[in-house]
PDB file of N, CA and C in Angstrom:
ATOM      1  N   MET A   1     -15.089  22.151  43.604  1.00  0.00           N
ATOM      2  CA  MET A   1     -15.453  22.182  42.200  1.00  0.00           C
ATOM      3  C   MET A   1     -14.193  22.245  41.333  1.00  0.00           C
ATOM      4  N   LEU A   2     -13.283  23.171  41.641  1.00  0.00           N
ATOM      5  CA  LEU A   2     -12.048  23.286  40.879  1.00  0.00           C
ATOM      6  C   LEU A   2     -11.176  22.053  41.060  1.00  0.00           C
ATOM      7  N   ASN A   3     -11.205  21.493  42.271  1.00  0.00           N
ATOM      8  CA  ASN A   3     -10.417  20.294  42.543  1.00  0.00           C
ATOM      9  C   ASN A   3     -10.910  19.137  41.675  1.00  0.00           C
ATOM     10  N   LEU A   4     -12.212  18.999  41.526  1.00  0.00           N
ATOM     11  CA  LEU A   4     -12.802  17.949  40.696  1.00  0.00           C
ATOM     12  C   LEU A   4     -12.419  18.160  39.227  1.00  0.00           C
ATOM     13  N   PHE A   5     -12.466  19.408  38.788  1.00  0.00           N
ATOM     14  CA  PHE A   5     -12.085  19.721  37.406  1.00  0.00           C
ATOM     15  C   PHE A   5     -10.608  19.401  37.161  1.00  0.00           C
ATOM     16  N   ALA A   6      -9.736  19.718  38.121  1.00  0.00           N
ATOM     17  CA  ALA A   6      -8.307  19.444  37.999  1.00  0.00           C
ATOM     18  C   ALA A   6      -8.059  17.941  37.930  1.00  0.00           C
ATOM     19  N   MET A   7      -8.816  17.163  38.709  1.00  0.00           N
ATOM     20  CA  MET A   7      -8.653  15.704  38.683  1.00  0.00           C
ATOM     21  C   MET A   7      -9.083  15.138  37.331  1.00  0.00           C
ATOM     22  N   GLU A   8     -10.188  15.641  36.796  1.00  0.00           N
ATOM     23  CA  GLU A   8     -10.653  15.168  35.485  1.00  0.00           C
ATOM     24  C   GLU A   8      -9.659  15.551  34.389  1.00  0.00           C
ATOM     25  N   LEU A   9      -9.093  16.747  34.493  1.00  0.00           N
ATOM     26  CA  LEU A   9      -8.109  17.199  33.525  1.00  0.00           C
ATOM     27  C   LEU A   9      -6.864  16.311  33.575  1.00  0.00           C
ATOM     28  N   LYS A  10      -6.441  15.936  34.766  1.00  0.00           N
ATOM     29  CA  LYS A  10      -5.283  15.049  34.926  1.00  0.00           C
ATOM     30  C   LYS A  10      -5.573  13.682  34.324  1.00  0.00           C
ATOM     31  N   GLU A  11      -6.776  13.157  34.526  1.00  0.00           N
ATOM     32  CA  GLU A  11      -7.154  11.862  33.954  1.00  0.00           C
ATOM     33  C   GLU A  11      -7.142  11.927  32.426  1.00  0.00           C
ATOM     34  N   ILE A  12      -7.637  13.016  31.884  1.00  0.00           N
ATOM     35  CA  ILE A  12      -7.655  13.174  30.422  1.00  0.00           C
ATOM     36  C   ILE A  12      -6.226  13.240  29.888  1.00  0.00           C
ATOM     37  N   LYS A  13      -5.351  13.978  30.573  1.00  0.00           N
ATOM     38  CA  LYS A  13      -3.955  14.058  30.141  1.00  0.00           C
ATOM     39  C   LYS A  13      -3.290  12.691  30.182  1.00  0.00           C
ATOM     40  N   ASP A  14      -3.565  11.917  31.222  1.00  0.00           N
ATOM     41  CA  ASP A  14      -2.992  10.575  31.319  1.00  0.00           C
ATOM     42  C   ASP A  14      -3.480   9.683  30.180  1.00  0.00           C
ATOM     43  N   LYS A  15      -4.750   9.766  29.848  1.00  0.00           N
ATOM     44  CA  LYS A  15      -5.295   8.964  28.750  1.00  0.00           C
ATOM     45  C   LYS A  15      -4.672   9.368  27.416  1.00  0.00           C
ATOM     46  N   VAL A  16      -4.493  10.675  27.205  1.00  0.00           N
ATOM     47  CA  VAL A  16      -3.881  11.158  25.963  1.00  0.00           C
ATOM     48  C   VAL A  16      -2.442  10.654  25.853  1.00  0.00           C
ATOM     49  N   LYS A  17      -1.686  10.708  26.964  1.00  0.00           N
ATOM     50  CA  LYS A  17      -0.316  10.203  26.952  1.00  0.00           C
ATOM     51  C   LYS A  17      -0.283   8.714  26.631  1.00  0.00           C
ATOM     52  N   LYS A  18      -1.200   7.963  27.207  1.00  0.00           N
ATOM     53  CA  LYS A  18      -1.256   6.522  26.976  1.00  0.00           C
ATOM     54  C   LYS A  18      -1.560   6.232  25.505  1.00  0.00           C
ATOM     55  N   ILE A  19      -2.506   6.947  24.935  1.00  0.00           N
ATOM     56  CA  ILE A  19      -2.871   6.741  23.528  1.00  0.00           C
ATOM     57  C   ILE A  19      -1.717   7.139  22.619  1.00  0.00           C
ATOM     58  N   LYS A  20      -1.030   8.247  22.927  1.00  0.00           N
ATOM     59  CA  LYS A  20       0.115   8.679  22.129  1.00  0.00           C
ATOM     60  C   LYS A  20       1.224   7.632  22.149  1.00  0.00           C
ATOM     61  N   SER A  21       1.488   7.077  23.314  1.00  0.00           N
ATOM     62  CA  SER A  21       2.542   6.062  23.398  1.00  0.00           C
ATOM     63  C   SER A  21       2.167   4.809  22.612  1.00  0.00           C
ATOM     64  N   GLU A  22       0.890   4.430  22.623  1.00  0.00           N
ATOM     65  CA  GLU A  22       0.444   3.280  21.837  1.00  0.00           C
ATOM     66  C   GLU A  22       0.593   3.547  20.343  1.00  0.00           C
ATOM     67  N   ILE A  23       0.253   4.751  19.909  1.00  0.00           N
ATOM     68  CA  ILE A  23       0.379   5.111  18.487  1.00  0.00           C
ATOM     69  C   ILE A  23       1.846   5.104  18.075  1.00  0.00           C
ATOM     70  N   GLU A  24       2.726   5.663  18.912  1.00  0.00           N
ATOM     71  CA  GLU A  24       4.153   5.679  18.593  1.00  0.00           C
ATOM     72  C   GLU A  24       4.707   4.262  18.510  1.00  0.00           C
ATOM     73  N   LYS A  25       4.245   3.386  19.387  1.00  0.00           N
ATOM     74  CA  LYS A  25       4.690   1.990  19.371  1.00  0.00           C
ATOM     75  C   LYS A  25       4.246   1.311  18.072  1.00  0.00           C
ATOM     76  N   GLU A  26       3.003   1.539  17.645  1.00  0.00           N
ATOM     77  CA  GLU A  26       2.502   0.952  16.405  1.00  0.00           C
ATOM     78  C   GLU A  26       3.276   1.479  15.200  1.00  0.00           C
ATOM     79  N   GLU A  27       3.569   2.775  15.174  1.00  0.00           N
ATOM     80  CA  GLU A  27       4.323   3.358  14.061  1.00  0.00           C
ATOM     81  C   GLU A  27       5.733   2.790  14.001  1.00  0.00           C
ATOM     82  N   PHE A  28       6.350   2.574  15.155  1.00  0.00           N
ATOM     83  CA  PHE A  28       7.685   1.995  15.190  1.00  0.00           C
ATOM     84  C   PHE A  28       7.662   0.567  14.650  1.00  0.00           C
ATOM     85  N   GLU A  29       6.640  -0.193  15.022  1.00  0.00           N
ATOM     86  CA  GLU A  29       6.532  -1.570  14.538  1.00  0.00           C
ATOM     87  C   GLU A  29       6.283  -1.608  13.035  1.00  0.00           C
ATOM     88  N   LYS A  30       5.539  -0.637  12.503  1.00  0.00           N
ATOM     89  CA  LYS A  30       5.290  -0.576  11.065  1.00  0.00           C
ATOM     90  C   LYS A  30       6.578  -0.266  10.308  1.00  0.00           C
ATOM     91  N   LYS A  31       7.416   0.591  10.850  1.00  0.00           N
ATOM     92  CA  LYS A  31       8.656   0.970  10.178  1.00  0.00           C
ATOM     93  C   LYS A  31       9.687  -0.151  10.239  1.00  0.00           C
ATOM     94  N   ASN A  32       9.548  -1.048  11.169  1.00  0.00           N
ATOM     95  CA  ASN A  32      10.496  -2.126  11.357  1.00  0.00           C
ATOM     96  C   ASN A  32      10.155  -3.284  10.424  1.00  0.00           C
ATOM     97  N   VAL A  33      10.212  -3.035   9.109  1.00  0.00           N
ATOM     98  CA  VAL A  33       9.817  -4.007   8.109  1.00  0.00           C
ATOM     99  C   VAL A  33      11.065  -4.602   7.470  1.00  0.00           C
ATOM    100  N   SER A  34      10.989  -5.874   7.169  1.00  0.00           N
ATOM    101  CA  SER A  34      12.106  -6.568   6.538  1.00  0.00           C
ATOM    102  C   SER A  34      12.302  -6.090   5.103  1.00  0.00           C
ATOM    103  N   PRO A  35      13.533  -5.868   4.679  1.00  0.00           N
ATOM    104  CA  PRO A  35      13.772  -5.475   3.281  1.00  0.00           C
ATOM    105  C   PRO A  35      13.304  -6.541   2.291  1.00  0.00           C
ATOM    106  N   LEU A  36      13.413  -7.801   2.681  1.00  0.00           N
ATOM    107  CA  LEU A  36      12.933  -8.875   1.816  1.00  0.00           C
ATOM    108  C   LEU A  36      11.419  -8.777   1.637  1.00  0.00           C
ATOM    109  N   GLY A  37      10.715  -8.443   2.706  1.00  0.00           N
ATOM    110  CA  GLY A  37       9.267  -8.270   2.619  1.00  0.00           C
ATOM    111  C   GLY A  37       8.878  -7.129   1.693  1.00  0.00           C
ATOM    112  N   VAL A  38       9.630  -6.048   1.764  1.00  0.00           N
ATOM    113  CA  VAL A  38       9.366  -4.894   0.893  1.00  0.00           C
ATOM    114  C   VAL A  38       9.610  -5.276  -0.563  1.00  0.00           C
ATOM    115  N   ALA A  39      10.694  -5.988  -0.820  1.00  0.00           N
ATOM    116  CA  ALA A  39      11.002  -6.415  -2.187  1.00  0.00           C
ATOM    117  C   ALA A  39       9.936  -7.367  -2.714  1.00  0.00           C
ATOM    118  N   MET A  40       9.480  -8.280  -1.876  1.00  0.00           N
ATOM    119  CA  MET A  40       8.430  -9.221  -2.295  1.00  0.00           C
ATOM    120  C   MET A  40       7.136  -8.476  -2.596  1.00  0.00           C
ATOM    121  N   LYS A  41       6.827  -7.469  -1.795  1.00  0.00           N
ATOM    122  CA  LYS A  41       5.613  -6.679  -2.021  1.00  0.00           C
ATOM    123  C   LYS A  41       5.676  -5.960  -3.363  1.00  0.00           C
ATOM    124  N   MET A  42       6.808  -5.352  -3.642  1.00  0.00           N
ATOM    125  CA  MET A  42       6.948  -4.620  -4.908  1.00  0.00           C
ATOM    126  C   MET A  42       6.889  -5.569  -6.097  1.00  0.00           C
ATOM    127  N   GLY A  43       7.547  -6.698  -5.984  1.00  0.00           N
ATOM    128  CA  GLY A  43       7.508  -7.678  -7.065  1.00  0.00           C
ATOM    129  C   GLY A  43       6.110  -8.212  -7.300  1.00  0.00           C
ATOM    130  N   THR A  44       5.400  -8.464  -6.220  1.00  0.00           N
ATOM    131  CA  THR A  44       4.034  -8.967  -6.338  1.00  0.00           C
ATOM    132  C   THR A  44       3.116  -7.927  -6.966  1.00  0.00           C
ATOM    133  N   GLU A  45       3.287  -6.672  -6.583  1.00  0.00           N
ATOM    134  CA  GLU A  45       2.472  -5.602  -7.180  1.00  0.00           C
ATOM    135  C   GLU A  45       2.700  -5.519  -8.688  1.00  0.00           C
ATOM    136  N   PHE A  46       3.954  -5.625  -9.095  1.00  0.00           N
ATOM    137  CA  PHE A  46       4.267  -5.535 -10.520  1.00  0.00           C
ATOM    138  C   PHE A  46       3.684  -6.721 -11.288  1.00  0.00           C
ATOM    139  N   VAL A  47       3.932  -7.920 -10.788  1.00  0.00           N
ATOM    140  CA  VAL A  47       3.453  -9.125 -11.478  1.00  0.00           C
ATOM    141  C   VAL A  47       1.931  -9.154 -11.527  1.00  0.00           C
ATOM    142  N   ALA A  48       1.276  -8.755 -10.451  1.00  0.00           N
ATOM    143  CA  ALA A  48      -0.190  -8.759 -10.430  1.00  0.00           C
ATOM    144  C   ALA A  48      -0.755  -7.789 -11.462  1.00  0.00           C
ATOM    145  N   ALA A  49      -0.171  -6.620 -11.574  1.00  0.00           N
ATOM    146  CA  ALA A  49      -0.662  -5.639 -12.549  1.00  0.00           C
ATOM    147  C   ALA A  49      -0.511  -6.168 -13.970  1.00  0.00           C
ATOM    148  N   VAL A  50       0.634  -6.749 -14.275  1.00  0.00           N
ATOM    149  CA  VAL A  50       0.866  -7.291 -15.619  1.00  0.00           C
ATOM    150  C   VAL A  50      -0.061  -8.466 -15.889  1.00  0.00           C
ATOM    151  N   PHE A  51      -0.216  -9.350 -14.916  1.00  0.00           N
ATOM    152  CA  PHE A  51      -1.055 -10.534 -15.090  1.00  0.00           C
ATOM    153  C   PHE A  51      -2.514 -10.163 -15.316  1.00  0.00           C
ATOM    154  N   VAL A  52      -3.032  -9.297 -14.496  1.00  0.00           N
ATOM    155  CA  VAL A  52      -4.450  -8.909 -14.619  1.00  0.00           C
ATOM    156  C   VAL A  52      -4.700  -8.206 -15.949  1.00  0.00           C
ATOM    157  N   ALA A  53      -3.816  -7.309 -16.319  1.00  0.00           N
ATOM    158  CA  ALA A  53      -3.994  -6.590 -17.582  1.00  0.00           C
ATOM    159  C   ALA A  53      -3.901  -7.553 -18.766  1.00  0.00           C
ATOM    160  N   SER A  54      -2.955  -8.482 -18.737  1.00  0.00           N
ATOM    161  CA  SER A  54      -2.826  -9.453 -19.824  1.00  0.00           C
ATOM    162  C   SER A  54      -4.049 -10.363 -19.896  1.00  0.00           C
ATOM    163  N   LEU A  55      -4.568 -10.735 -18.748  1.00  0.00           N
ATOM    164  CA  LEU A  55      -5.768 -11.576 -18.717  1.00  0.00           C
ATOM    165  C   LEU A  55      -6.965 -10.837 -19.321  1.00  0.00           C
ATOM    166  N   ILE A  56      -7.091  -9.568 -19.015  1.00  0.00           N
ATOM    167  CA  ILE A  56      -8.160  -8.762 -19.617  1.00  0.00           C
ATOM    168  C   ILE A  56      -7.979  -8.707 -21.130  1.00  0.00           C
ATOM    169  N   GLY A  57      -6.750  -8.488 -21.586  1.00  0.00           N
ATOM    170  CA  GLY A  57      -6.474  -8.461 -23.017  1.00  0.00           C
ATOM    171  C   GLY A  57      -6.775  -9.795 -23.686  1.00  0.00           C
ATOM    172  N   PHE A  58      -6.447 -10.888 -23.011  1.00  0.00           N
ATOM    173  CA  PHE A  58      -6.727 -12.218 -23.546  1.00  0.00           C
ATOM    174  C   PHE A  58      -8.224 -12.420 -23.755  1.00  0.00           C
ATOM    175  N   TYR A  59      -9.014 -12.060 -22.750  1.00  0.00           N
ATOM    176  CA  TYR A  59     -10.461 -12.267 -22.865  1.00  0.00           C
ATOM    177  C   TYR A  59     -11.103 -11.309 -23.880  1.00  0.00           C
ATOM    178  N   ILE A  60     -10.574 -10.137 -24.028  1.00  0.00           N
ATOM    179  CA  ILE A  60     -11.086  -9.230 -25.066  1.00  0.00           C
ATOM    180  C   ILE A  60     -10.773  -9.810 -26.443  1.00  0.00           C
ATOM    181  N   ASP A  61      -9.544 -10.324 -26.613  1.00  0.00           N
ATOM    182  CA  ASP A  61      -9.189 -10.969 -27.884  1.00  0.00           C
ATOM    183  C   ASP A  61     -10.081 -12.181 -28.154  1.00  0.00           C
ATOM    184  N   LYS A  62     -10.330 -12.949 -27.147  1.00  0.00           N
ATOM    185  CA  LYS A  62     -11.179 -14.132 -27.305  1.00  0.00           C
ATOM    186  C   LYS A  62     -12.602 -13.718 -27.671  1.00  0.00           C
ATOM    187  N   TRP A  63     -13.102 -12.679 -27.033  1.00  0.00           N
ATOM    188  CA  TRP A  63     -14.474 -12.215 -27.261  1.00  0.00           C
ATOM    189  C   TRP A  63     -14.629 -11.632 -28.668  1.00  0.00           C
ATOM    190  N   LEU A  64     -13.635 -10.860 -29.109  1.00  0.00           N
ATOM    191  CA  LEU A  64     -13.704 -10.222 -30.420  1.00  0.00           C
ATOM    192  C   LEU A  64     -13.119 -11.091 -31.536  1.00  0.00           C
ATOM    193  N   GLU A  65     -12.571 -12.235 -31.170  1.00  0.00           N
ATOM    194  CA  GLU A  65     -11.944 -13.164 -32.112  1.00  0.00           C
ATOM    195  C   GLU A  65     -10.886 -12.457 -32.961  1.00  0.00           C
ATOM    196  N   THR A  66      -9.989 -11.773 -32.281  1.00  0.00           N
ATOM    197  CA  THR A  66      -8.921 -11.052 -32.958  1.00  0.00           C
ATOM    198  C   THR A  66      -7.580 -11.728 -32.667  1.00  0.00           C
ATOM    199  N   THR A  67      -6.568 -11.253 -33.357  1.00  0.00           N
ATOM    200  CA  THR A  67      -5.209 -11.722 -33.081  1.00  0.00           C
ATOM    201  C   THR A  67      -4.789 -11.167 -31.724  1.00  0.00           C
ATOM    202  N   PRO A  68      -3.646 -11.546 -31.226  1.00  0.00           N
ATOM    203  CA  PRO A  68      -3.294 -11.116 -29.859  1.00  0.00           C
ATOM    204  C   PRO A  68      -2.948  -9.631 -29.719  1.00  0.00           C
ATOM    205  N   ILE A  69      -3.653  -8.789 -30.417  1.00  0.00           N
ATOM    206  CA  ILE A  69      -3.369  -7.357 -30.336  1.00  0.00           C
ATOM    207  C   ILE A  69      -3.740  -6.783 -28.966  1.00  0.00           C
ATOM    208  N   PHE A  70      -4.885  -7.205 -28.433  1.00  0.00           N
ATOM    209  CA  PHE A  70      -5.305  -6.668 -27.127  1.00  0.00           C
ATOM    210  C   PHE A  70      -4.453  -7.223 -25.992  1.00  0.00           C
ATOM    211  N   ILE A  71      -3.956  -8.442 -26.160  1.00  0.00           N
ATOM    212  CA  ILE A  71      -3.039  -8.968 -25.147  1.00  0.00           C
ATOM    213  C   ILE A  71      -1.799  -8.079 -25.083  1.00  0.00           C
ATOM    214  N   LEU A  72      -1.261  -7.736 -26.237  1.00  0.00           N
ATOM    215  CA  LEU A  72      -0.066  -6.889 -26.259  1.00  0.00           C
ATOM    216  C   LEU A  72      -0.341  -5.494 -25.719  1.00  0.00           C
ATOM    217  N   ILE A  73      -1.473  -4.925 -26.107  1.00  0.00           N
ATOM    218  CA  ILE A  73      -1.831  -3.582 -25.630  1.00  0.00           C
ATOM    219  C   ILE A  73      -1.993  -3.577 -24.114  1.00  0.00           C
ATOM    220  N   PHE A  74      -2.752  -4.548 -23.602  1.00  0.00           N
ATOM    221  CA  PHE A  74      -2.987  -4.588 -22.162  1.00  0.00           C
ATOM    222  C   PHE A  74      -1.750  -5.027 -21.389  1.00  0.00           C
ATOM    223  N   PHE A  75      -0.866  -5.816 -22.037  1.00  0.00           N
ATOM    224  CA  PHE A  75       0.406  -6.153 -21.395  1.00  0.00           C
ATOM    225  C   PHE A  75       1.222  -4.887 -21.159  1.00  0.00           C
ATOM    226  N   ILE A  76       1.270  -4.033 -22.149  1.00  0.00           N
ATOM    227  CA  ILE A  76       2.010  -2.768 -22.007  1.00  0.00           C
ATOM    228  C   ILE A  76       1.363  -1.884 -20.941  1.00  0.00           C
ATOM    229  N   ILE A  77       0.038  -1.808 -20.968  1.00  0.00           N
ATOM    230  CA  ILE A  77      -0.666  -1.019 -19.947  1.00  0.00           C
ATOM    231  C   ILE A  77      -0.388  -1.570 -18.550  1.00  0.00           C
ATOM    232  N   GLY A  78      -0.429  -2.896 -18.415  1.00  0.00           N
ATOM    233  CA  GLY A  78      -0.148  -3.523 -17.119  1.00  0.00           C
ATOM    234  C   GLY A  78       1.274  -3.292 -16.663  1.00  0.00           C
ATOM    235  N   SER A  79       2.216  -3.321 -17.612  1.00  0.00           N
ATOM    236  CA  SER A  79       3.617  -3.072 -17.258  1.00  0.00           C
ATOM    237  C   SER A  79       3.806  -1.642 -16.758  1.00  0.00           C
ATOM    238  N   VAL A  80       3.194  -0.705 -17.432  1.00  0.00           N
ATOM    239  CA  VAL A  80       3.290   0.699 -16.998  1.00  0.00           C
ATOM    240  C   VAL A  80       2.641   0.877 -15.624  1.00  0.00           C
ATOM    241  N   ALA A  81       1.477   0.270 -15.437  1.00  0.00           N
ATOM    242  CA  ALA A  81       0.799   0.372 -14.136  1.00  0.00           C
ATOM    243  C   ALA A  81       1.642  -0.274 -13.044  1.00  0.00           C
ATOM    244  N   GLY A  82       2.255  -1.412 -13.334  1.00  0.00           N
ATOM    245  CA  GLY A  82       3.103  -2.079 -12.351  1.00  0.00           C
ATOM    246  C   GLY A  82       4.311  -1.242 -11.982  1.00  0.00           C
ATOM    247  N   ILE A  83       4.937  -0.642 -12.976  1.00  0.00           N
ATOM    248  CA  ILE A  83       6.097   0.214 -12.713  1.00  0.00           C
ATOM    249  C   ILE A  83       5.688   1.424 -11.874  1.00  0.00           C
ATOM    250  N   LEU A  84       4.550   2.012 -12.205  1.00  0.00           N
ATOM    251  CA  LEU A  84       4.075   3.157 -11.408  1.00  0.00           C
ATOM    252  C   LEU A  84       3.786   2.751  -9.965  1.00  0.00           C
ATOM    253  N   ASN A  85       3.229   1.554  -9.765  1.00  0.00           N
ATOM    254  CA  ASN A  85       2.980   1.067  -8.398  1.00  0.00           C
ATOM    255  C   ASN A  85       4.293   0.895  -7.635  1.00  0.00           C
ATOM    256  N   VAL A  86       5.295   0.323  -8.289  1.00  0.00           N
ATOM    257  CA  VAL A  86       6.589   0.122  -7.632  1.00  0.00           C
ATOM    258  C   VAL A  86       7.233   1.471  -7.303  1.00  0.00           C
ATOM    259  N   VAL A  87       7.182   2.420  -8.233  1.00  0.00           N
ATOM    260  CA  VAL A  87       7.752   3.747  -7.980  1.00  0.00           C
ATOM    261  C   VAL A  87       7.029   4.420  -6.818  1.00  0.00           C
ATOM    262  N   ARG A  88       5.702   4.323  -6.798  1.00  0.00           N
ATOM    263  CA  ARG A  88       4.929   4.929  -5.715  1.00  0.00           C
ATOM    264  C   ARG A  88       5.283   4.289  -4.371  1.00  0.00           C
ATOM    265  N   SER A  89       5.413   2.974  -4.344  1.00  0.00           N
ATOM    266  CA  SER A  89       5.777   2.292  -3.100  1.00  0.00           C
ATOM    267  C   SER A  89       7.177   2.687  -2.633  1.00  0.00           C
ATOM    268  N   SER A  90       8.113   2.764  -3.564  1.00  0.00           N
ATOM    269  CA  SER A  90       9.477   3.127  -3.169  1.00  0.00           C
ATOM    270  C   SER A  90       9.560   4.573  -2.678  1.00  0.00           C
ATOM    271  N   LYS A  91       8.756   5.447  -3.252  1.00  0.00           N
ATOM    272  CA  LYS A  91       8.718   6.835  -2.748  1.00  0.00           C
ATOM    273  C   LYS A  91       8.165   6.883  -1.332  1.00  0.00           C
ATOM    274  N   MET A  92       7.159   6.076  -1.049  1.00  0.00           N
ATOM    275  CA  MET A  92       6.591   6.063   0.297  1.00  0.00           C
ATOM    276  C   MET A  92       7.593   5.498   1.306  1.00  0.00           C
ATOM    277  N   ILE A  93       8.374   4.503   0.874  1.00  0.00           N
ATOM    278  CA  ILE A  93       9.382   3.927   1.770  1.00  0.00           C
ATOM    279  C   ILE A  93      10.468   4.954   2.047  1.00  0.00           C
ATOM    280  N   ASN A  94      10.938   5.650   1.014  1.00  0.00           N
ATOM    281  CA  ASN A  94      11.977   6.657   1.201  1.00  0.00           C
ATOM    282  C   ASN A  94      11.484   7.852   1.991  1.00  0.00           C
ATOM    283  N   LYS A  95      10.187   8.118   1.924  1.00  0.00           N
ATOM    284  CA  LYS A  95       9.600   9.242   2.672  1.00  0.00           C
ATOM    285  C   LYS A  95       9.694   8.988   4.166  1.00  0.00           C
ATOM    286  N   ASP A  96       9.482   7.732   4.568  1.00  0.00           N
ATOM    287  CA  ASP A  96       9.534   7.372   5.999  1.00  0.00           C
ATOM    288  C   ASP A  96      10.966   7.433   6.471  1.00  0.00           C
TER     289      ASP A  96
END
């Protein structure tokens, strides 16, 4: 009975070691990111935030038949959101 329990315990330990090594391998591959890829990601995040916000402002202006006031307001909001996204991403990169 104890021998069977010891064998099952050994099998569980082996499985845990195997899973840990797979997780460590995946984490290493995630950290091995190209600096160009990181820069492209940050640039894309910024441009997307500005573009989407400006597009929302454009359609609000079109709907309300106003001057480009909402485009400017949402452009500023998008720029701030984009900058915050870039800062958040860079903090996560420096954390690793």
